[in-house]
Amino acid sequence: MKQLLEAGVHFGHQMRRWDPRMKPYIFTERNNIYIVDLQQTVKLVEVAYDIIREISSNGGNVLFVGTKKQAQESIKIEAERCG
């Protein structure tokens, strides 16, 4: 969880740009920015990891998608690294 905090994963969208379906995953609000619940994030990343591992071990494909400009290059590099 410390790594997620240091990476700023907990910073969500501005309050005026949020998706109401994200409400269960919002921890709090600070300076008009939603703060994501990192405890839930860790649990759900572990679930996603298990699912992706199962898909790839069965020869399936995983699509990497980056919608934020600042993340696109990193996502591309990691997708290529995964094969």
PDB file of N, CA and C in Angstrom:
ATOM      1  N   MET A   1       0.828  -1.182   0.000  1.00  0.00           N
ATOM      2  CA  MET A   1       0.000   0.000   0.000  1.00  0.00           C
ATOM      3  C   MET A   1       0.879   1.255   0.000  1.00  0.00           C
ATOM      4  N   LYS A   2       2.037   1.163   0.634  1.00  0.00           N
ATOM      5  CA  LYS A   2       2.959   2.301   0.672  1.00  0.00           C
ATOM      6  C   LYS A   2       3.371   2.710  -0.745  1.00  0.00           C
ATOM      7  N   GLN A   3       3.637   1.720  -1.595  1.00  0.00           N
ATOM      8  CA  GLN A   3       4.026   2.015  -2.978  1.00  0.00           C
ATOM      9  C   GLN A   3       2.900   2.723  -3.728  1.00  0.00           C
ATOM     10  N   LEU A   4       1.675   2.307  -3.483  1.00  0.00           N
ATOM     11  CA  LEU A   4       0.536   2.951  -4.137  1.00  0.00           C
ATOM     12  C   LEU A   4       0.405   4.406  -3.696  1.00  0.00           C
ATOM     13  N   LEU A   5       0.584   4.645  -2.400  1.00  0.00           N
ATOM     14  CA  LEU A   5       0.532   6.016  -1.885  1.00  0.00           C
ATOM     15  C   LEU A   5       1.619   6.870  -2.517  1.00  0.00           C
ATOM     16  N   GLU A   6       2.850   6.335  -2.547  1.00  0.00           N
ATOM     17  CA  GLU A   6       3.971   7.084  -3.107  1.00  0.00           C
ATOM     18  C   GLU A   6       3.771   7.370  -4.591  1.00  0.00           C
ATOM     19  N   ALA A   7       3.092   6.473  -5.295  1.00  0.00           N
ATOM     20  CA  ALA A   7       2.834   6.660  -6.724  1.00  0.00           C
ATOM     21  C   ALA A   7       1.642   7.588  -6.979  1.00  0.00           C
ATOM     22  N   GLY A   8       0.915   7.944  -5.924  1.00  0.00           N
ATOM     23  CA  GLY A   8      -0.224   8.842  -6.078  1.00  0.00           C
ATOM     24  C   GLY A   8      -1.468   8.180  -6.634  1.00  0.00           C
ATOM     25  N   VAL A   9      -1.537   6.857  -6.506  1.00  0.00           N
ATOM     26  CA  VAL A   9      -2.677   6.107  -7.040  1.00  0.00           C
ATOM     27  C   VAL A   9      -3.984   6.534  -6.375  1.00  0.00           C
ATOM     28  N   HIS A  10      -3.909   7.015  -5.163  1.00  0.00           N
ATOM     29  CA  HIS A  10      -5.116   7.353  -4.412  1.00  0.00           C
ATOM     30  C   HIS A  10      -5.806   8.629  -4.898  1.00  0.00           C
ATOM     31  N   PHE A  11      -5.128   9.427  -5.711  1.00  0.00           N
ATOM     32  CA  PHE A  11      -5.757  10.652  -6.208  1.00  0.00           C
ATOM     33  C   PHE A  11      -6.704  10.327  -7.351  1.00  0.00           C
ATOM     34  N   GLY A  12      -7.979  10.634  -7.136  1.00  0.00           N
ATOM     35  CA  GLY A  12      -8.985  10.382  -8.159  1.00  0.00           C
ATOM     36  C   GLY A  12      -9.233  11.625  -8.993  1.00  0.00           C
ATOM     37  N   HIS A  13     -10.419  11.696  -9.575  1.00  0.00           N
ATOM     38  CA  HIS A  13     -10.789  12.826 -10.424  1.00  0.00           C
ATOM     39  C   HIS A  13     -11.282  13.996  -9.585  1.00  0.00           C
ATOM     40  N   GLN A  14     -11.348  15.143 -10.224  1.00  0.00           N
ATOM     41  CA  GLN A  14     -11.983  16.284  -9.593  1.00  0.00           C
ATOM     42  C   GLN A  14     -13.450  15.931  -9.353  1.00  0.00           C
ATOM     43  N   MET A  15     -14.009  16.520  -8.334  1.00  0.00           N
ATOM     44  CA  MET A  15     -15.376  16.177  -7.945  1.00  0.00           C
ATOM     45  C   MET A  15     -16.376  16.428  -9.070  1.00  0.00           C
ATOM     46  N   ARG A  16     -16.131  17.394  -9.918  1.00  0.00           N
ATOM     47  CA  ARG A  16     -17.091  17.706 -10.986  1.00  0.00           C
ATOM     48  C   ARG A  16     -16.990  16.744 -12.159  1.00  0.00           C
ATOM     49  N   ARG A  17     -15.955  15.877 -12.188  1.00  0.00           N
ATOM     50  CA  ARG A  17     -15.755  14.984 -13.327  1.00  0.00           C
ATOM     51  C   ARG A  17     -15.878  13.506 -12.957  1.00  0.00           C
ATOM     52  N   TRP A  18     -16.440  13.186 -11.856  1.00  0.00           N
ATOM     53  CA  TRP A  18     -16.451  11.804 -11.387  1.00  0.00           C
ATOM     54  C   TRP A  18     -17.592  11.002 -11.992  1.00  0.00           C
ATOM     55  N   ASP A  19     -17.445   9.703 -11.913  1.00  0.00           N
ATOM     56  CA  ASP A  19     -18.468   8.764 -12.381  1.00  0.00           C
ATOM     57  C   ASP A  19     -19.171   8.214 -11.140  1.00  0.00           C
ATOM     58  N   PRO A  20     -20.475   8.416 -11.002  1.00  0.00           N
ATOM     59  CA  PRO A  20     -21.195   7.970  -9.806  1.00  0.00           C
ATOM     60  C   PRO A  20     -21.031   6.483  -9.500  1.00  0.00           C
ATOM     61  N   ARG A  21     -20.703   5.671 -10.510  1.00  0.00           N
ATOM     62  CA  ARG A  21     -20.495   4.237 -10.256  1.00  0.00           C
ATOM     63  C   ARG A  21     -19.250   3.986  -9.412  1.00  0.00           C
ATOM     64  N   MET A  22     -18.405   4.993  -9.264  1.00  0.00           N
ATOM     65  CA  MET A  22     -17.184   4.850  -8.464  1.00  0.00           C
ATOM     66  C   MET A  22     -17.418   5.122  -6.980  1.00  0.00           C
ATOM     67  N   LYS A  23     -18.606   5.565  -6.621  1.00  0.00           N
ATOM     68  CA  LYS A  23     -18.899   5.951  -5.237  1.00  0.00           C
ATOM     69  C   LYS A  23     -18.454   4.912  -4.198  1.00  0.00           C
ATOM     70  N   PRO A  24     -18.676   3.610  -4.415  1.00  0.00           N
ATOM     71  CA  PRO A  24     -18.260   2.638  -3.393  1.00  0.00           C
ATOM     72  C   PRO A  24     -16.743   2.582  -3.175  1.00  0.00           C
ATOM     73  N   TYR A  25     -15.983   3.124  -4.106  1.00  0.00           N
ATOM     74  CA  TYR A  25     -14.524   3.033  -4.032  1.00  0.00           C
ATOM     75  C   TYR A  25     -13.865   4.339  -3.595  1.00  0.00           C
ATOM     76  N   ILE A  26     -14.686   5.336  -3.265  1.00  0.00           N
ATOM     77  CA  ILE A  26     -14.174   6.630  -2.825  1.00  0.00           C
ATOM     78  C   ILE A  26     -14.006   6.599  -1.309  1.00  0.00           C
ATOM     79  N   PHE A  27     -12.821   6.966  -0.857  1.00  0.00           N
ATOM     80  CA  PHE A  27     -12.534   6.996   0.575  1.00  0.00           C
ATOM     81  C   PHE A  27     -13.005   8.314   1.184  1.00  0.00           C
ATOM     82  N   THR A  28     -12.615   9.426   0.554  1.00  0.00           N
ATOM     83  CA  THR A  28     -12.982  10.752   1.043  1.00  0.00           C
ATOM     84  C   THR A  28     -12.769  11.762  -0.077  1.00  0.00           C
ATOM     85  N   GLU A  29     -12.919  13.026   0.261  1.00  0.00           N
ATOM     86  CA  GLU A  29     -12.697  14.121  -0.681  1.00  0.00           C
ATOM     87  C   GLU A  29     -11.762  15.118  -0.013  1.00  0.00           C
ATOM     88  N   ARG A  30     -10.827  15.636  -0.798  1.00  0.00           N
ATOM     89  CA  ARG A  30      -9.903  16.635  -0.272  1.00  0.00           C
ATOM     90  C   ARG A  30      -9.591  17.635  -1.382  1.00  0.00           C
ATOM     91  N   ASN A  31      -9.800  18.908  -1.112  1.00  0.00           N
ATOM     92  CA  ASN A  31      -9.521  19.978  -2.082  1.00  0.00           C
ATOM     93  C   ASN A  31     -10.196  19.723  -3.432  1.00  0.00           C
ATOM     94  N   ASN A  32     -11.457  19.323  -3.379  1.00  0.00           N
ATOM     95  CA  ASN A  32     -12.259  19.046  -4.581  1.00  0.00           C
ATOM     96  C   ASN A  32     -11.727  17.902  -5.434  1.00  0.00           C
ATOM     97  N   ILE A  33     -10.955  17.012  -4.840  1.00  0.00           N
ATOM     98  CA  ILE A  33     -10.453  15.807  -5.512  1.00  0.00           C
ATOM     99  C   ILE A  33     -10.913  14.610  -4.687  1.00  0.00           C
ATOM    100  N   TYR A  34     -11.437  13.604  -5.361  1.00  0.00           N
ATOM    101  CA  TYR A  34     -11.805  12.386  -4.654  1.00  0.00           C
ATOM    102  C   TYR A  34     -10.557  11.564  -4.366  1.00  0.00           C
ATOM    103  N   ILE A  35     -10.514  10.977  -3.170  1.00  0.00           N
ATOM    104  CA  ILE A  35      -9.414  10.114  -2.749  1.00  0.00           C
ATOM    105  C   ILE A  35      -9.931   8.679  -2.790  1.00  0.00           C
ATOM    106  N   VAL A  36      -9.237   7.838  -3.544  1.00  0.00           N
ATOM    107  CA  VAL A  36      -9.637   6.450  -3.747  1.00  0.00           C
ATOM    108  C   VAL A  36      -9.271   5.619  -2.521  1.00  0.00           C
ATOM    109  N   ASP A  37     -10.125   4.685  -2.166  1.00  0.00           N
ATOM    110  CA  ASP A  37      -9.897   3.770  -1.045  1.00  0.00           C
ATOM    111  C   ASP A  37      -8.835   2.743  -1.443  1.00  0.00           C
ATOM    112  N   LEU A  38      -7.622   2.898  -0.922  1.00  0.00           N
ATOM    113  CA  LEU A  38      -6.517   2.021  -1.311  1.00  0.00           C
ATOM    114  C   LEU A  38      -6.647   0.609  -0.758  1.00  0.00           C
ATOM    115  N   GLN A  39      -7.343   0.432   0.350  1.00  0.00           N
ATOM    116  CA  GLN A  39      -7.541  -0.933   0.863  1.00  0.00           C
ATOM    117  C   GLN A  39      -8.352  -1.750  -0.136  1.00  0.00           C
ATOM    118  N   GLN A  40      -9.401  -1.145  -0.671  1.00  0.00           N
ATOM    119  CA  GLN A  40     -10.188  -1.835  -1.697  1.00  0.00           C
ATOM    120  C   GLN A  40      -9.374  -2.011  -2.973  1.00  0.00           C
ATOM    121  N   THR A  41      -8.578  -1.007  -3.305  1.00  0.00           N
ATOM    122  CA  THR A  41      -7.757  -1.074  -4.516  1.00  0.00           C
ATOM    123  C   THR A  41      -6.814  -2.262  -4.454  1.00  0.00           C
ATOM    124  N   VAL A  42      -6.139  -2.445  -3.324  1.00  0.00           N
ATOM    125  CA  VAL A  42      -5.196  -3.559  -3.175  1.00  0.00           C
ATOM    126  C   VAL A  42      -5.919  -4.889  -3.356  1.00  0.00           C
ATOM    127  N   LYS A  43      -7.061  -5.050  -2.701  1.00  0.00           N
ATOM    128  CA  LYS A  43      -7.817  -6.304  -2.818  1.00  0.00           C
ATOM    129  C   LYS A  43      -8.221  -6.574  -4.265  1.00  0.00           C
ATOM    130  N   LEU A  44      -8.714  -5.546  -4.944  1.00  0.00           N
ATOM    131  CA  LEU A  44      -9.202  -5.732  -6.311  1.00  0.00           C
ATOM    132  C   LEU A  44      -8.066  -5.898  -7.318  1.00  0.00           C
ATOM    133  N   VAL A  45      -6.909  -5.303  -7.059  1.00  0.00           N
ATOM    134  CA  VAL A  45      -5.745  -5.536  -7.921  1.00  0.00           C
ATOM    135  C   VAL A  45      -5.309  -6.994  -7.797  1.00  0.00           C
ATOM    136  N   GLU A  46      -5.365  -7.535  -6.590  1.00  0.00           N
ATOM    137  CA  GLU A  46      -5.018  -8.953  -6.397  1.00  0.00           C
ATOM    138  C   GLU A  46      -5.989  -9.860  -7.150  1.00  0.00           C
ATOM    139  N   VAL A  47      -7.272  -9.537  -7.120  1.00  0.00           N
ATOM    140  CA  VAL A  47      -8.271 -10.313  -7.866  1.00  0.00           C
ATOM    141  C   VAL A  47      -7.983 -10.224  -9.365  1.00  0.00           C
ATOM    142  N   ALA A  48      -7.718  -9.005  -9.849  1.00  0.00           N
ATOM    143  CA  ALA A  48      -7.414  -8.814 -11.274  1.00  0.00           C
ATOM    144  C   ALA A  48      -6.158  -9.585 -11.667  1.00  0.00           C
ATOM    145  N   TYR A  49      -5.153  -9.574 -10.802  1.00  0.00           N
ATOM    146  CA  TYR A  49      -3.909 -10.308 -11.068  1.00  0.00           C
ATOM    147  C   TYR A  49      -4.195 -11.800 -11.247  1.00  0.00           C
ATOM    148  N   ASP A  50      -4.982 -12.357 -10.356  1.00  0.00           N
ATOM    149  CA  ASP A  50      -5.313 -13.785 -10.448  1.00  0.00           C
ATOM    150  C   ASP A  50      -6.062 -14.103 -11.744  1.00  0.00           C
ATOM    151  N   ILE A  51      -6.989 -13.245 -12.126  1.00  0.00           N
ATOM    152  CA  ILE A  51      -7.758 -13.459 -13.356  1.00  0.00           C
ATOM    153  C   ILE A  51      -6.846 -13.373 -14.575  1.00  0.00           C
ATOM    154  N   ILE A  52      -5.995 -12.366 -14.623  1.00  0.00           N
ATOM    155  CA  ILE A  52      -5.079 -12.196 -15.758  1.00  0.00           C
ATOM    156  C   ILE A  52      -4.097 -13.354 -15.840  1.00  0.00           C
ATOM    157  N   ARG A  53      -3.606 -13.803 -14.700  1.00  0.00           N
ATOM    158  CA  ARG A  53      -2.681 -14.943 -14.683  1.00  0.00           C
ATOM    159  C   ARG A  53      -3.369 -16.191 -15.235  1.00  0.00           C
ATOM    160  N   GLU A  54      -4.610 -16.400 -14.858  1.00  0.00           N
ATOM    161  CA  GLU A  54      -5.374 -17.555 -15.343  1.00  0.00           C
ATOM    162  C   GLU A  54      -5.597 -17.468 -16.856  1.00  0.00           C
ATOM    163  N   ILE A  55      -5.978 -16.299 -17.329  1.00  0.00           N
ATOM    164  CA  ILE A  55      -6.202 -16.110 -18.771  1.00  0.00           C
ATOM    165  C   ILE A  55      -4.926 -16.395 -19.545  1.00  0.00           C
ATOM    166  N   SER A  56      -3.807 -15.796 -19.118  1.00  0.00           N
ATOM    167  CA  SER A  56      -2.562 -15.993 -19.868  1.00  0.00           C
ATOM    168  C   SER A  56      -2.037 -17.406 -19.765  1.00  0.00           C
ATOM    169  N   SER A  57      -2.220 -18.064 -18.632  1.00  0.00           N
ATOM    170  CA  SER A  57      -1.727 -19.441 -18.513  1.00  0.00           C
ATOM    171  C   SER A  57      -2.527 -20.400 -19.397  1.00  0.00           C
ATOM    172  N   ASN A  58      -3.733 -19.992 -19.785  1.00  0.00           N
ATOM    173  CA  ASN A  58      -4.560 -20.794 -20.692  1.00  0.00           C
ATOM    174  C   ASN A  58      -4.425 -20.344 -22.147  1.00  0.00           C
ATOM    175  N   GLY A  59      -3.416 -19.523 -22.434  1.00  0.00           N
ATOM    176  CA  GLY A  59      -3.159 -19.084 -23.804  1.00  0.00           C
ATOM    177  C   GLY A  59      -4.019 -17.935 -24.286  1.00  0.00           C
ATOM    178  N   GLY A  60      -4.734 -17.310 -23.375  1.00  0.00           N
ATOM    179  CA  GLY A  60      -5.598 -16.193 -23.762  1.00  0.00           C
ATOM    180  C   GLY A  60      -4.824 -14.900 -23.946  1.00  0.00           C
ATOM    181  N   ASN A  61      -5.501 -13.891 -24.421  1.00  0.00           N
ATOM    182  CA  ASN A  61      -4.913 -12.571 -24.640  1.00  0.00           C
ATOM    183  C   ASN A  61      -5.472 -11.573 -23.640  1.00  0.00           C
ATOM    184  N   VAL A  62      -4.636 -10.616 -23.273  1.00  0.00           N
ATOM    185  CA  VAL A  62      -5.041  -9.536 -22.379  1.00  0.00           C
ATOM    186  C   VAL A  62      -4.772  -8.224 -23.105  1.00  0.00           C
ATOM    187  N   LEU A  63      -5.759  -7.359 -23.166  1.00  0.00           N
ATOM    188  CA  LEU A  63      -5.626  -6.066 -23.819  1.00  0.00           C
ATOM    189  C   LEU A  63      -5.275  -5.012 -22.773  1.00  0.00           C
ATOM    190  N   PHE A  64      -4.175  -4.310 -22.990  1.00  0.00           N
ATOM    191  CA  PHE A  64      -3.767  -3.212 -22.120  1.00  0.00           C
ATOM    192  C   PHE A  64      -4.306  -1.916 -22.723  1.00  0.00           C
ATOM    193  N   VAL A  65      -4.983  -1.105 -21.898  1.00  0.00           N
ATOM    194  CA  VAL A  65      -5.566   0.143 -22.378  1.00  0.00           C
ATOM    195  C   VAL A  65      -5.121   1.277 -21.465  1.00  0.00           C
ATOM    196  N   GLY A  66      -4.657   2.360 -22.066  1.00  0.00           N
ATOM    197  CA  GLY A  66      -4.269   3.545 -21.306  1.00  0.00           C
ATOM    198  C   GLY A  66      -5.029   4.750 -21.820  1.00  0.00           C
ATOM    199  N   THR A  67      -5.876   5.330 -20.994  1.00  0.00           N
ATOM    200  CA  THR A  67      -6.671   6.470 -21.438  1.00  0.00           C
ATOM    201  C   THR A  67      -6.072   7.801 -20.998  1.00  0.00           C
ATOM    202  N   LYS A  68      -5.134   7.758 -20.072  1.00  0.00           N
ATOM    203  CA  LYS A  68      -4.477   8.995 -19.643  1.00  0.00           C
ATOM    204  C   LYS A  68      -3.174   9.138 -20.414  1.00  0.00           C
ATOM    205  N   LYS A  69      -2.972  10.313 -21.004  1.00  0.00           N
ATOM    206  CA  LYS A  69      -1.766  10.530 -21.806  1.00  0.00           C
ATOM    207  C   LYS A  69      -0.498  10.216 -21.030  1.00  0.00           C
ATOM    208  N   GLN A  70      -0.446  10.634 -19.767  1.00  0.00           N
ATOM    209  CA  GLN A  70       0.768  10.451 -18.983  1.00  0.00           C
ATOM    210  C   GLN A  70       1.055   8.984 -18.675  1.00  0.00           C
ATOM    211  N   ALA A  71       0.091   8.105 -18.836  1.00  0.00           N
ATOM    212  CA  ALA A  71       0.296   6.681 -18.543  1.00  0.00           C
ATOM    213  C   ALA A  71       0.479   5.831 -19.794  1.00  0.00           C
ATOM    214  N   GLN A  72       0.162   6.361 -20.949  1.00  0.00           N
ATOM    215  CA  GLN A  72       0.143   5.552 -22.165  1.00  0.00           C
ATOM    216  C   GLN A  72       1.485   4.905 -22.486  1.00  0.00           C
ATOM    217  N   GLU A  73       2.570   5.636 -22.378  1.00  0.00           N
ATOM    218  CA  GLU A  73       3.879   5.073 -22.725  1.00  0.00           C
ATOM    219  C   GLU A  73       4.259   3.944 -21.769  1.00  0.00           C
ATOM    220  N   SER A  74       4.041   4.140 -20.477  1.00  0.00           N
ATOM    221  CA  SER A  74       4.348   3.091 -19.493  1.00  0.00           C
ATOM    222  C   SER A  74       3.511   1.847 -19.747  1.00  0.00           C
ATOM    223  N   ILE A  75       2.252   2.044 -20.065  1.00  0.00           N
ATOM    224  CA  ILE A  75       1.371   0.906 -20.333  1.00  0.00           C
ATOM    225  C   ILE A  75       1.833   0.166 -21.583  1.00  0.00           C
ATOM    226  N   LYS A  76       2.220   0.903 -22.602  1.00  0.00           N
ATOM    227  CA  LYS A  76       2.721   0.285 -23.831  1.00  0.00           C
ATOM    228  C   LYS A  76       3.974  -0.542 -23.549  1.00  0.00           C
ATOM    229  N   ILE A  77       4.899   0.015 -22.789  1.00  0.00           N
ATOM    230  CA  ILE A  77       6.146  -0.689 -22.453  1.00  0.00           C
ATOM    231  C   ILE A  77       5.848  -1.977 -21.694  1.00  0.00           C
ATOM    232  N   GLU A  78       4.964  -1.901 -20.705  1.00  0.00           N
ATOM    233  CA  GLU A  78       4.646  -3.086 -19.904  1.00  0.00           C
ATOM    234  C   GLU A  78       3.895  -4.134 -20.724  1.00  0.00           C
ATOM    235  N   ALA A  79       3.020  -3.692 -21.609  1.00  0.00           N
ATOM    236  CA  ALA A  79       2.301  -4.639 -22.476  1.00  0.00           C
ATOM    237  C   ALA A  79       3.281  -5.373 -23.380  1.00  0.00           C
ATOM    238  N   GLU A  80       4.235  -4.643 -23.946  1.00  0.00           N
ATOM    239  CA  GLU A  80       5.243  -5.272 -24.803  1.00  0.00           C
ATOM    240  C   GLU A  80       6.129  -6.222 -23.998  1.00  0.00           C
ATOM    241  N   ARG A  81       6.441  -5.832 -22.772  1.00  0.00           N
ATOM    242  CA  ARG A  81       7.269  -6.678 -21.905  1.00  0.00           C
ATOM    243  C   ARG A  81       6.566  -7.999 -21.584  1.00  0.00           C
ATOM    244  N   CYS A  82       5.241  -7.942 -21.490  1.00  0.00           N
ATOM    245  CA  CYS A  82       4.468  -9.151 -21.193  1.00  0.00           C
ATOM    246  C   CYS A  82       4.308 -10.054 -22.411  1.00  0.00           C
ATOM    247  N   GLY A  83       4.605  -9.529 -23.579  1.00  0.00           N
ATOM    248  CA  GLY A  83       4.513 -10.336 -24.797  1.00  0.00           C
ATOM    249  C   GLY A  83       3.189 -10.190 -25.445  1.00  0.00           C
TER     250      GLY A  83
END
